[in-house]
N, C-alpha and C. Protein backbone atom coordinates (compact mmCIF):
# COMPACT_ATOMS: atom_id res chain seq x y z
N MET A 1 0.84 -1.18 0.00
CA MET A 1 0.00 0.00 0.00
C MET A 1 0.89 1.25 0.00
N ARG A 2 0.47 2.24 -0.74
CA ARG A 2 1.25 3.46 -0.84
C ARG A 2 1.06 4.34 0.39
N ASP A 3 2.11 5.05 0.72
CA ASP A 3 2.11 5.96 1.85
C ASP A 3 1.16 7.12 1.55
N PRO A 4 0.10 7.31 2.36
CA PRO A 4 -0.87 8.37 2.09
C PRO A 4 -0.24 9.76 2.08
N GLN A 5 0.78 9.99 2.91
CA GLN A 5 1.45 11.29 2.94
C GLN A 5 2.16 11.55 1.61
N LEU A 6 2.80 10.52 1.08
CA LEU A 6 3.49 10.64 -0.20
C LEU A 6 2.49 10.91 -1.33
N VAL A 7 1.39 10.21 -1.32
CA VAL A 7 0.34 10.42 -2.33
C VAL A 7 -0.17 11.85 -2.26
N TYR A 8 -0.40 12.35 -1.06
CA TYR A 8 -0.88 13.72 -0.86
C TYR A 8 0.13 14.72 -1.39
N GLN A 9 1.40 14.52 -1.06
CA GLN A 9 2.45 15.43 -1.52
C GLN A 9 2.57 15.43 -3.04
N GLN A 10 2.50 14.25 -3.64
CA GLN A 10 2.59 14.16 -5.11
C GLN A 10 1.42 14.88 -5.77
N GLN A 11 0.24 14.71 -5.22
CA GLN A 11 -0.95 15.38 -5.78
C GLN A 11 -0.85 16.89 -5.61
N ALA A 12 -0.33 17.34 -4.48
CA ALA A 12 -0.17 18.77 -4.24
C ALA A 12 0.77 19.39 -5.27
N VAL A 13 1.82 18.67 -5.64
CA VAL A 13 2.74 19.16 -6.66
C VAL A 13 2.06 19.19 -8.03
N LYS A 14 1.33 18.14 -8.35
CA LYS A 14 0.65 18.07 -9.64
C LYS A 14 -0.40 19.18 -9.80
N ASP A 15 -1.03 19.56 -8.70
CA ASP A 15 -2.08 20.57 -8.74
C ASP A 15 -1.56 22.00 -8.65
N SER A 16 -0.26 22.18 -8.47
CA SER A 16 0.32 23.50 -8.26
C SER A 16 0.61 24.20 -9.59
N SER A 17 0.46 25.52 -9.56
CA SER A 17 0.87 26.34 -10.70
C SER A 17 2.39 26.46 -10.67
N PRO A 18 2.99 26.91 -11.78
CA PRO A 18 4.45 27.11 -11.77
C PRO A 18 4.91 28.05 -10.65
N LEU A 19 4.16 29.11 -10.39
CA LEU A 19 4.54 30.03 -9.31
C LEU A 19 4.45 29.34 -7.95
N GLN A 20 3.44 28.53 -7.75
CA GLN A 20 3.30 27.81 -6.49
C GLN A 20 4.45 26.80 -6.31
N LEU A 21 4.92 26.24 -7.42
CA LEU A 21 6.05 25.32 -7.33
C LEU A 21 7.32 26.05 -6.91
N VAL A 22 7.48 27.28 -7.38
CA VAL A 22 8.62 28.08 -6.95
C VAL A 22 8.55 28.31 -5.44
N VAL A 23 7.38 28.63 -4.95
CA VAL A 23 7.20 28.84 -3.50
C VAL A 23 7.53 27.56 -2.75
N LYS A 24 7.11 26.42 -3.27
CA LYS A 24 7.40 25.14 -2.62
C LYS A 24 8.91 24.88 -2.58
N MET A 25 9.64 25.28 -3.63
CA MET A 25 11.08 25.12 -3.64
C MET A 25 11.72 25.98 -2.54
N TYR A 26 11.24 27.20 -2.43
CA TYR A 26 11.73 28.07 -1.34
C TYR A 26 11.43 27.43 0.01
N ASP A 27 10.24 26.89 0.18
CA ASP A 27 9.88 26.24 1.46
C ASP A 27 10.85 25.11 1.78
N LEU A 28 11.16 24.29 0.76
CA LEU A 28 12.09 23.18 0.98
C LEU A 28 13.49 23.69 1.34
N ALA A 29 13.91 24.74 0.65
CA ALA A 29 15.23 25.31 0.94
C ALA A 29 15.28 25.86 2.36
N ILE A 30 14.25 26.58 2.74
CA ILE A 30 14.21 27.17 4.09
C ILE A 30 14.16 26.07 5.15
N GLN A 31 13.39 25.02 4.90
CA GLN A 31 13.36 23.90 5.85
C GLN A 31 14.75 23.29 6.01
N SER A 32 15.48 23.21 4.91
CA SER A 32 16.83 22.66 4.95
C SER A 32 17.77 23.52 5.80
N THR A 33 17.53 24.84 5.82
CA THR A 33 18.37 25.69 6.66
C THR A 33 18.12 25.41 8.13
N TYR A 34 16.86 25.16 8.49
CA TYR A 34 16.55 24.85 9.88
C TYR A 34 17.16 23.51 10.30
N ARG A 35 17.21 22.59 9.36
CA ARG A 35 17.79 21.27 9.65
C ARG A 35 19.32 21.27 9.52
N LYS A 36 19.84 22.38 9.03
CA LYS A 36 21.29 22.51 8.79
C LYS A 36 21.77 21.42 7.86
N ASP A 37 20.96 21.14 6.84
CA ASP A 37 21.28 20.13 5.83
C ASP A 37 21.81 20.84 4.59
N GLY A 38 23.12 21.12 4.63
CA GLY A 38 23.75 21.88 3.56
C GLY A 38 23.69 21.19 2.21
N GLU A 39 23.83 19.88 2.21
CA GLU A 39 23.81 19.13 0.95
C GLU A 39 22.44 19.27 0.27
N LYS A 40 21.39 19.07 1.03
CA LYS A 40 20.04 19.18 0.46
C LYS A 40 19.77 20.63 0.04
N LEU A 41 20.18 21.58 0.86
CA LEU A 41 19.98 22.98 0.55
C LEU A 41 20.66 23.34 -0.78
N ARG A 42 21.91 22.92 -0.95
CA ARG A 42 22.61 23.22 -2.19
C ARG A 42 21.96 22.54 -3.38
N SER A 43 21.45 21.35 -3.19
CA SER A 43 20.75 20.64 -4.26
C SER A 43 19.49 21.39 -4.69
N ILE A 44 18.73 21.86 -3.71
CA ILE A 44 17.50 22.61 -4.00
C ILE A 44 17.84 23.91 -4.71
N ILE A 45 18.85 24.61 -4.21
CA ILE A 45 19.24 25.87 -4.85
C ILE A 45 19.74 25.62 -6.26
N SER A 46 20.46 24.54 -6.49
CA SER A 46 20.91 24.19 -7.84
C SER A 46 19.72 23.99 -8.77
N THR A 47 18.69 23.35 -8.27
CA THR A 47 17.47 23.16 -9.05
C THR A 47 16.82 24.52 -9.35
N MET A 48 16.82 25.40 -8.37
CA MET A 48 16.25 26.74 -8.58
C MET A 48 17.06 27.51 -9.62
N ILE A 49 18.38 27.36 -9.59
CA ILE A 49 19.23 28.02 -10.59
C ILE A 49 18.93 27.49 -11.98
N SER A 50 18.78 26.18 -12.09
CA SER A 50 18.54 25.59 -13.41
C SER A 50 17.18 26.01 -13.98
N GLY A 51 16.27 26.45 -13.10
CA GLY A 51 14.95 26.89 -13.56
C GLY A 51 14.88 28.36 -13.93
N LEU A 52 15.98 29.09 -13.74
CA LEU A 52 15.96 30.52 -14.07
C LEU A 52 15.86 30.75 -15.58
N ASN A 53 15.08 31.73 -15.94
CA ASN A 53 14.94 32.13 -17.35
C ASN A 53 15.69 33.44 -17.53
N PHE A 54 16.85 33.37 -18.15
CA PHE A 54 17.71 34.54 -18.27
C PHE A 54 17.24 35.52 -19.34
N ASP A 55 16.09 35.25 -19.93
CA ASP A 55 15.49 36.22 -20.85
C ASP A 55 14.81 37.34 -20.08
N HIS A 56 14.66 37.16 -18.78
CA HIS A 56 14.00 38.16 -17.94
C HIS A 56 15.00 38.74 -16.95
N GLU A 57 14.85 40.02 -16.68
CA GLU A 57 15.83 40.78 -15.90
C GLU A 57 16.15 40.22 -14.51
N PRO A 58 15.19 39.81 -13.72
CA PRO A 58 15.58 39.40 -12.35
C PRO A 58 16.41 38.12 -12.29
N ALA A 59 16.51 37.38 -13.38
CA ALA A 59 17.24 36.11 -13.33
C ALA A 59 18.70 36.30 -12.96
N ASP A 60 19.34 37.34 -13.47
CA ASP A 60 20.75 37.58 -13.14
C ASP A 60 20.93 37.85 -11.65
N GLN A 61 20.05 38.67 -11.09
CA GLN A 61 20.15 38.97 -9.66
C GLN A 61 19.85 37.74 -8.81
N LEU A 62 18.84 36.97 -9.22
CA LEU A 62 18.51 35.75 -8.48
C LEU A 62 19.67 34.76 -8.57
N PHE A 63 20.28 34.64 -9.75
CA PHE A 63 21.43 33.75 -9.89
C PHE A 63 22.52 34.12 -8.89
N SER A 64 22.83 35.40 -8.81
CA SER A 64 23.87 35.86 -7.88
C SER A 64 23.50 35.56 -6.43
N LEU A 65 22.24 35.80 -6.07
CA LEU A 65 21.79 35.52 -4.70
C LEU A 65 21.84 34.02 -4.40
N TYR A 66 21.37 33.22 -5.34
CA TYR A 66 21.37 31.77 -5.13
C TYR A 66 22.81 31.25 -4.98
N HIS A 67 23.69 31.73 -5.83
CA HIS A 67 25.09 31.32 -5.77
C HIS A 67 25.70 31.72 -4.42
N TYR A 68 25.41 32.92 -3.98
CA TYR A 68 25.87 33.39 -2.68
C TYR A 68 25.32 32.51 -1.56
N CYS A 69 24.06 32.12 -1.65
CA CYS A 69 23.45 31.24 -0.64
C CYS A 69 24.14 29.88 -0.62
N GLN A 70 24.50 29.38 -1.79
CA GLN A 70 25.22 28.11 -1.82
C GLN A 70 26.55 28.23 -1.09
N ASN A 71 27.25 29.33 -1.34
CA ASN A 71 28.53 29.54 -0.65
C ASN A 71 28.34 29.66 0.86
N LEU A 72 27.32 30.39 1.28
CA LEU A 72 27.03 30.51 2.71
C LEU A 72 26.74 29.15 3.32
N SER A 73 26.00 28.32 2.60
CA SER A 73 25.65 27.00 3.16
C SER A 73 26.90 26.14 3.32
N ARG A 74 27.86 26.29 2.42
CA ARG A 74 29.12 25.54 2.55
C ARG A 74 29.87 25.96 3.82
N GLU A 75 29.66 27.22 4.22
CA GLU A 75 30.30 27.74 5.43
C GLU A 75 29.46 27.47 6.68
N GLY A 76 28.29 26.85 6.50
CA GLY A 76 27.42 26.55 7.64
C GLY A 76 26.65 27.75 8.15
N LYS A 77 26.50 28.78 7.34
CA LYS A 77 25.81 30.00 7.74
C LYS A 77 24.33 29.93 7.31
N PHE A 78 23.63 28.99 7.93
CA PHE A 78 22.25 28.71 7.52
C PHE A 78 21.29 29.84 7.88
N GLU A 79 21.53 30.50 8.98
CA GLU A 79 20.65 31.62 9.36
C GLU A 79 20.74 32.75 8.33
N GLU A 80 21.93 33.01 7.84
CA GLU A 80 22.10 34.05 6.82
C GLU A 80 21.39 33.67 5.53
N VAL A 81 21.46 32.41 5.17
CA VAL A 81 20.76 31.94 3.98
C VAL A 81 19.26 32.15 4.16
N ARG A 82 18.77 31.80 5.32
CA ARG A 82 17.34 31.95 5.62
C ARG A 82 16.93 33.41 5.54
N GLU A 83 17.76 34.32 6.03
CA GLU A 83 17.45 35.75 5.99
C GLU A 83 17.35 36.27 4.55
N ILE A 84 18.04 35.62 3.64
CA ILE A 84 17.96 35.99 2.22
C ILE A 84 16.74 35.36 1.57
N LEU A 85 16.52 34.07 1.84
CA LEU A 85 15.47 33.33 1.14
C LEU A 85 14.06 33.64 1.61
N GLU A 86 13.87 33.90 2.90
CA GLU A 86 12.51 34.11 3.40
C GLU A 86 11.79 35.29 2.75
N PRO A 87 12.43 36.47 2.61
CA PRO A 87 11.71 37.56 1.94
C PRO A 87 11.44 37.27 0.46
N LEU A 88 12.36 36.56 -0.18
CA LEU A 88 12.12 36.18 -1.57
C LEU A 88 10.94 35.23 -1.67
N ARG A 89 10.89 34.29 -0.75
CA ARG A 89 9.78 33.33 -0.73
C ARG A 89 8.45 34.05 -0.53
N ASP A 90 8.43 35.02 0.38
CA ASP A 90 7.20 35.76 0.64
C ASP A 90 6.75 36.56 -0.59
N THR A 91 7.70 37.11 -1.31
CA THR A 91 7.39 37.85 -2.53
C THR A 91 6.78 36.93 -3.58
N TRP A 92 7.41 35.77 -3.80
CA TRP A 92 6.87 34.81 -4.75
C TRP A 92 5.49 34.33 -4.33
N ASP A 93 5.29 34.14 -3.04
CA ASP A 93 4.00 33.70 -2.53
C ASP A 93 2.93 34.76 -2.80
N ASP A 94 3.26 36.03 -2.56
CA ASP A 94 2.32 37.12 -2.86
C ASP A 94 1.92 37.12 -4.34
N ILE A 95 2.90 36.94 -5.20
CA ILE A 95 2.62 36.93 -6.64
C ILE A 95 1.77 35.72 -7.01
N ALA A 96 2.09 34.56 -6.43
CA ALA A 96 1.36 33.33 -6.75
C ALA A 96 -0.10 33.41 -6.31
N ASN A 97 -0.37 34.18 -5.26
CA ASN A 97 -1.73 34.24 -4.73
C ASN A 97 -2.56 35.40 -5.28
N LYS A 98 -2.04 36.11 -6.25
CA LYS A 98 -2.81 37.21 -6.86
C LYS A 98 -3.65 36.68 -8.00
């Protein structure tokens, strides 16, 4: 029998808009900072980098911020990463809910 939590999570992803998926990525990254899981955090941020569309202006700035967050996570500065990601997450969430 399949894990009901896993089924719920998979369905939540399938039902999400692209903007909501971005918010979910931020949520996962922020959770990783609380767990001090640098490897997972860097993996999530790498995924976020690969999803950037450089045809639009904010992509360059986001790339720089994400790269900086990866470096901070290598240094174990998870609180600093969180201070950068949380406001970005809230902005994406505001946009996704309009």
